[in-house]
Amino acid sequence: MQRLRVEFTTEPFDLDEAPAHAVVAREVIQAAELDAVDVGPFGNTAEGGADAVLTAVDALLRRALGAGATRVSLQVNVIGASGQGREGEK
């Protein structure tokens, strides 16, 4: 099975306080069965098996847009097969 990495941001940005859509998106990713979750103020990254990542991305899009996001930017990369390290290392 493939391993994927997803990187995403939600907009609009608010530098004073995290908007509801950003909080919801982070909660979805942190609650999913993913590896190496890294959340930050300007971008978020998570890795895991293809099914887990794609399920999390679906929930992230639905919930973030429902919470007021006007834009969700994301990138999904294949990083190897299950059982392999980062970027296909053994």
N, C-alpha and C. Protein backbone atom coordinates (compact mmCIF):
# COMPACT_ATOMS: atom_id res chain seq x y z
N MET A 1 0.84 -1.18 0.00
CA MET A 1 0.00 0.00 0.00
C MET A 1 0.89 1.25 0.00
N GLN A 2 0.45 2.28 -0.69
CA GLN A 2 1.21 3.52 -0.76
C GLN A 2 1.13 4.31 0.53
N ARG A 3 2.22 5.03 0.79
CA ARG A 3 2.24 6.02 1.86
C ARG A 3 2.17 7.38 1.21
N LEU A 4 1.41 8.28 1.84
CA LEU A 4 1.22 9.62 1.30
C LEU A 4 1.60 10.67 2.34
N ARG A 5 1.99 11.83 1.85
CA ARG A 5 2.19 13.01 2.70
C ARG A 5 1.24 14.09 2.20
N VAL A 6 0.50 14.69 3.12
CA VAL A 6 -0.38 15.80 2.77
C VAL A 6 0.14 17.06 3.48
N GLU A 7 0.16 18.14 2.73
CA GLU A 7 0.49 19.46 3.27
C GLU A 7 -0.70 20.36 2.96
N PHE A 8 -1.14 21.15 3.94
CA PHE A 8 -2.32 21.98 3.68
C PHE A 8 -2.31 23.26 4.50
N THR A 9 -3.04 24.24 3.98
CA THR A 9 -3.34 25.48 4.69
C THR A 9 -4.80 25.81 4.42
N THR A 10 -5.39 26.57 5.33
CA THR A 10 -6.75 27.06 5.14
C THR A 10 -6.72 28.57 5.19
N GLU A 11 -7.65 29.17 4.51
CA GLU A 11 -7.76 30.63 4.48
C GLU A 11 -9.21 31.03 4.71
N PRO A 12 -9.49 32.23 5.16
CA PRO A 12 -8.57 33.36 5.32
C PRO A 12 -7.72 33.24 6.58
N PHE A 13 -6.55 33.86 6.51
CA PHE A 13 -5.63 33.88 7.63
C PHE A 13 -6.07 34.92 8.65
N ASP A 14 -5.72 34.69 9.89
CA ASP A 14 -5.90 35.66 10.95
C ASP A 14 -4.67 35.54 11.83
N LEU A 15 -3.84 36.56 11.84
CA LEU A 15 -2.58 36.49 12.59
C LEU A 15 -2.77 36.65 14.10
N ASP A 16 -3.92 37.16 14.51
CA ASP A 16 -4.17 37.37 15.94
C ASP A 16 -4.71 36.13 16.64
N GLU A 17 -5.56 35.40 15.95
CA GLU A 17 -6.21 34.23 16.56
C GLU A 17 -6.52 33.21 15.46
N ALA A 18 -6.32 31.94 15.77
CA ALA A 18 -6.61 30.89 14.78
C ALA A 18 -8.11 30.87 14.48
N PRO A 19 -8.48 31.02 13.21
CA PRO A 19 -9.90 30.98 12.85
C PRO A 19 -10.49 29.58 13.06
N ALA A 20 -11.79 29.52 13.17
CA ALA A 20 -12.48 28.24 13.43
C ALA A 20 -12.13 27.20 12.38
N HIS A 21 -12.04 27.59 11.12
CA HIS A 21 -11.74 26.61 10.06
C HIS A 21 -10.35 26.01 10.22
N ALA A 22 -9.40 26.80 10.69
CA ALA A 22 -8.04 26.29 10.91
C ALA A 22 -8.02 25.33 12.09
N VAL A 23 -8.74 25.67 13.14
CA VAL A 23 -8.81 24.80 14.32
C VAL A 23 -9.45 23.46 13.96
N VAL A 24 -10.54 23.50 13.21
CA VAL A 24 -11.24 22.29 12.80
C VAL A 24 -10.34 21.42 11.93
N ALA A 25 -9.64 22.03 10.99
CA ALA A 25 -8.76 21.27 10.10
C ALA A 25 -7.66 20.57 10.89
N ARG A 26 -7.08 21.27 11.84
CA ARG A 26 -6.03 20.66 12.67
C ARG A 26 -6.59 19.53 13.53
N GLU A 27 -7.78 19.72 14.07
CA GLU A 27 -8.40 18.67 14.89
C GLU A 27 -8.63 17.40 14.06
N VAL A 28 -9.08 17.57 12.83
CA VAL A 28 -9.32 16.42 11.95
C VAL A 28 -8.02 15.66 11.74
N ILE A 29 -6.96 16.37 11.42
CA ILE A 29 -5.67 15.71 11.14
C ILE A 29 -5.11 15.07 12.40
N GLN A 30 -5.20 15.75 13.52
CA GLN A 30 -4.65 15.19 14.76
C GLN A 30 -5.44 13.97 15.23
N ALA A 31 -6.73 13.89 14.92
CA ALA A 31 -7.56 12.77 15.35
C ALA A 31 -7.45 11.57 14.40
N ALA A 32 -6.97 11.81 13.19
CA ALA A 32 -6.87 10.73 12.20
C ALA A 32 -5.71 9.79 12.55
N GLU A 33 -5.77 8.60 12.01
CA GLU A 33 -4.72 7.61 12.25
C GLU A 33 -3.57 7.83 11.28
N LEU A 34 -2.84 8.93 11.51
CA LEU A 34 -1.74 9.33 10.64
C LEU A 34 -0.44 9.36 11.43
N ASP A 35 0.67 9.35 10.70
CA ASP A 35 2.00 9.42 11.30
C ASP A 35 2.57 10.83 11.10
N ALA A 36 3.51 11.17 11.92
CA ALA A 36 4.31 12.38 11.72
C ALA A 36 3.46 13.63 11.47
N VAL A 37 2.47 13.86 12.29
CA VAL A 37 1.62 15.05 12.15
C VAL A 37 2.38 16.26 12.69
N ASP A 38 2.43 17.32 11.88
CA ASP A 38 3.09 18.56 12.26
C ASP A 38 2.17 19.72 11.92
N VAL A 39 1.64 20.39 12.93
CA VAL A 39 0.74 21.53 12.70
C VAL A 39 1.46 22.81 13.08
N GLY A 40 1.22 23.84 12.30
CA GLY A 40 1.86 25.12 12.56
C GLY A 40 0.99 26.25 12.08
N PRO A 41 1.40 27.49 12.34
CA PRO A 41 0.56 28.64 11.99
C PRO A 41 0.45 28.90 10.49
N PHE A 42 1.43 28.44 9.71
CA PHE A 42 1.41 28.73 8.27
C PHE A 42 1.36 27.50 7.39
N GLY A 43 1.21 26.33 7.98
CA GLY A 43 1.10 25.11 7.19
C GLY A 43 1.08 23.90 8.09
N ASN A 44 0.55 22.83 7.59
CA ASN A 44 0.39 21.60 8.35
C ASN A 44 0.78 20.44 7.45
N THR A 45 1.39 19.42 8.05
CA THR A 45 1.84 18.26 7.30
C THR A 45 1.50 17.00 8.08
N ALA A 46 1.14 15.95 7.36
CA ALA A 46 0.90 14.66 7.99
C ALA A 46 1.22 13.57 6.97
N GLU A 47 1.59 12.40 7.49
CA GLU A 47 1.89 11.26 6.65
C GLU A 47 1.14 10.04 7.15
N GLY A 48 0.90 9.11 6.24
CA GLY A 48 0.28 7.86 6.63
C GLY A 48 -0.05 7.02 5.42
N GLY A 49 -0.73 5.92 5.66
CA GLY A 49 -1.18 5.07 4.57
C GLY A 49 -2.18 5.82 3.70
N ALA A 50 -2.25 5.41 2.44
CA ALA A 50 -3.10 6.11 1.48
C ALA A 50 -4.54 6.22 1.95
N ASP A 51 -5.13 5.13 2.42
CA ASP A 51 -6.54 5.17 2.85
C ASP A 51 -6.74 6.16 3.99
N ALA A 52 -5.85 6.15 4.97
CA ALA A 52 -5.98 7.06 6.12
C ALA A 52 -5.83 8.51 5.70
N VAL A 53 -4.86 8.79 4.83
CA VAL A 53 -4.64 10.17 4.38
C VAL A 53 -5.84 10.65 3.56
N LEU A 54 -6.30 9.83 2.63
CA LEU A 54 -7.42 10.26 1.79
C LEU A 54 -8.71 10.44 2.59
N THR A 55 -8.94 9.60 3.58
CA THR A 55 -10.10 9.76 4.45
C THR A 55 -9.99 11.05 5.25
N ALA A 56 -8.78 11.33 5.77
CA ALA A 56 -8.57 12.56 6.53
C ALA A 56 -8.73 13.79 5.66
N VAL A 57 -8.24 13.74 4.42
CA VAL A 57 -8.37 14.88 3.51
C VAL A 57 -9.84 15.16 3.20
N ASP A 58 -10.63 14.11 2.98
CA ASP A 58 -12.06 14.29 2.74
C ASP A 58 -12.72 14.99 3.93
N ALA A 59 -12.45 14.50 5.13
CA ALA A 59 -13.04 15.10 6.33
C ALA A 59 -12.53 16.52 6.53
N LEU A 60 -11.25 16.74 6.29
CA LEU A 60 -10.67 18.07 6.44
C LEU A 60 -11.36 19.08 5.51
N LEU A 61 -11.51 18.72 4.25
CA LEU A 61 -12.17 19.62 3.30
C LEU A 61 -13.61 19.93 3.71
N ARG A 62 -14.35 18.91 4.02
CA ARG A 62 -15.76 19.10 4.38
C ARG A 62 -15.93 19.95 5.64
N ARG A 63 -15.14 19.64 6.66
CA ARG A 63 -15.29 20.35 7.94
C ARG A 63 -14.71 21.76 7.89
N ALA A 64 -13.56 21.96 7.23
CA ALA A 64 -12.98 23.29 7.16
C ALA A 64 -13.86 24.23 6.35
N LEU A 65 -14.37 23.76 5.21
CA LEU A 65 -15.27 24.59 4.41
C LEU A 65 -16.56 24.88 5.18
N GLY A 66 -17.06 23.90 5.91
CA GLY A 66 -18.24 24.10 6.73
C GLY A 66 -18.03 25.07 7.87
N ALA A 67 -16.77 25.22 8.29
CA ALA A 67 -16.45 26.13 9.40
C ALA A 67 -16.01 27.51 8.91
N GLY A 68 -16.16 27.77 7.62
CA GLY A 68 -15.90 29.12 7.12
C GLY A 68 -14.66 29.31 6.28
N ALA A 69 -13.92 28.26 5.96
CA ALA A 69 -12.76 28.43 5.08
C ALA A 69 -13.25 28.87 3.70
N THR A 70 -12.55 29.83 3.12
CA THR A 70 -12.88 30.27 1.77
C THR A 70 -11.91 29.67 0.75
N ARG A 71 -10.83 29.07 1.28
CA ARG A 71 -9.85 28.42 0.42
C ARG A 71 -9.09 27.39 1.23
N VAL A 72 -8.89 26.22 0.65
CA VAL A 72 -8.05 25.19 1.26
C VAL A 72 -7.03 24.81 0.19
N SER A 73 -5.77 25.03 0.50
CA SER A 73 -4.69 24.66 -0.41
C SER A 73 -4.06 23.39 0.12
N LEU A 74 -3.93 22.39 -0.74
CA LEU A 74 -3.29 21.17 -0.28
C LEU A 74 -2.49 20.53 -1.38
N GLN A 75 -1.52 19.78 -0.93
CA GLN A 75 -0.67 19.01 -1.83
C GLN A 75 -0.53 17.63 -1.25
N VAL A 76 -0.67 16.62 -2.10
CA VAL A 76 -0.52 15.24 -1.66
C VAL A 76 0.60 14.62 -2.48
N ASN A 77 1.56 14.01 -1.79
CA ASN A 77 2.69 13.36 -2.45
C ASN A 77 2.76 11.90 -2.06
N VAL A 78 3.10 11.05 -3.01
CA VAL A 78 3.40 9.65 -2.73
C VAL A 78 4.83 9.62 -2.20
N ILE A 79 5.02 9.03 -1.02
CA ILE A 79 6.36 9.00 -0.43
C ILE A 79 6.92 7.60 -0.30
N GLY A 80 6.19 6.60 -0.74
CA GLY A 80 6.69 5.24 -0.72
C GLY A 80 5.59 4.24 -0.43
N ALA A 81 5.99 3.02 -0.26
CA ALA A 81 5.06 1.95 0.08
C ALA A 81 5.09 1.72 1.58
N SER A 82 4.01 1.20 2.14
CA SER A 82 3.98 0.88 3.56
C SER A 82 5.16 -0.02 3.89
N GLY A 83 5.76 0.21 5.04
CA GLY A 83 6.92 -0.57 5.45
C GLY A 83 8.23 0.08 5.05
N GLN A 84 8.17 1.11 4.21
CA GLN A 84 9.38 1.83 3.83
C GLN A 84 9.45 3.11 4.64
N GLY A 85 10.65 3.66 4.73
CA GLY A 85 10.86 4.91 5.44
C GLY A 85 10.45 6.10 4.59
N ARG A 86 10.82 7.25 5.03
CA ARG A 86 10.52 8.49 4.31
C ARG A 86 11.18 8.47 2.94
N GLU A 87 10.47 9.02 1.97
CA GLU A 87 10.96 9.15 0.60
C GLU A 87 11.44 7.84 0.02
N GLY A 88 10.86 6.72 0.45
CA GLY A 88 11.18 5.44 -0.12
C GLY A 88 12.43 4.79 0.42
N GLU A 89 13.02 5.33 1.49
CA GLU A 89 14.21 4.74 2.08
C GLU A 89 13.86 3.42 2.74
N LYS A 90 14.83 2.52 2.82
CA LYS A 90 14.61 1.24 3.49
C LYS A 90 15.19 1.28 4.87
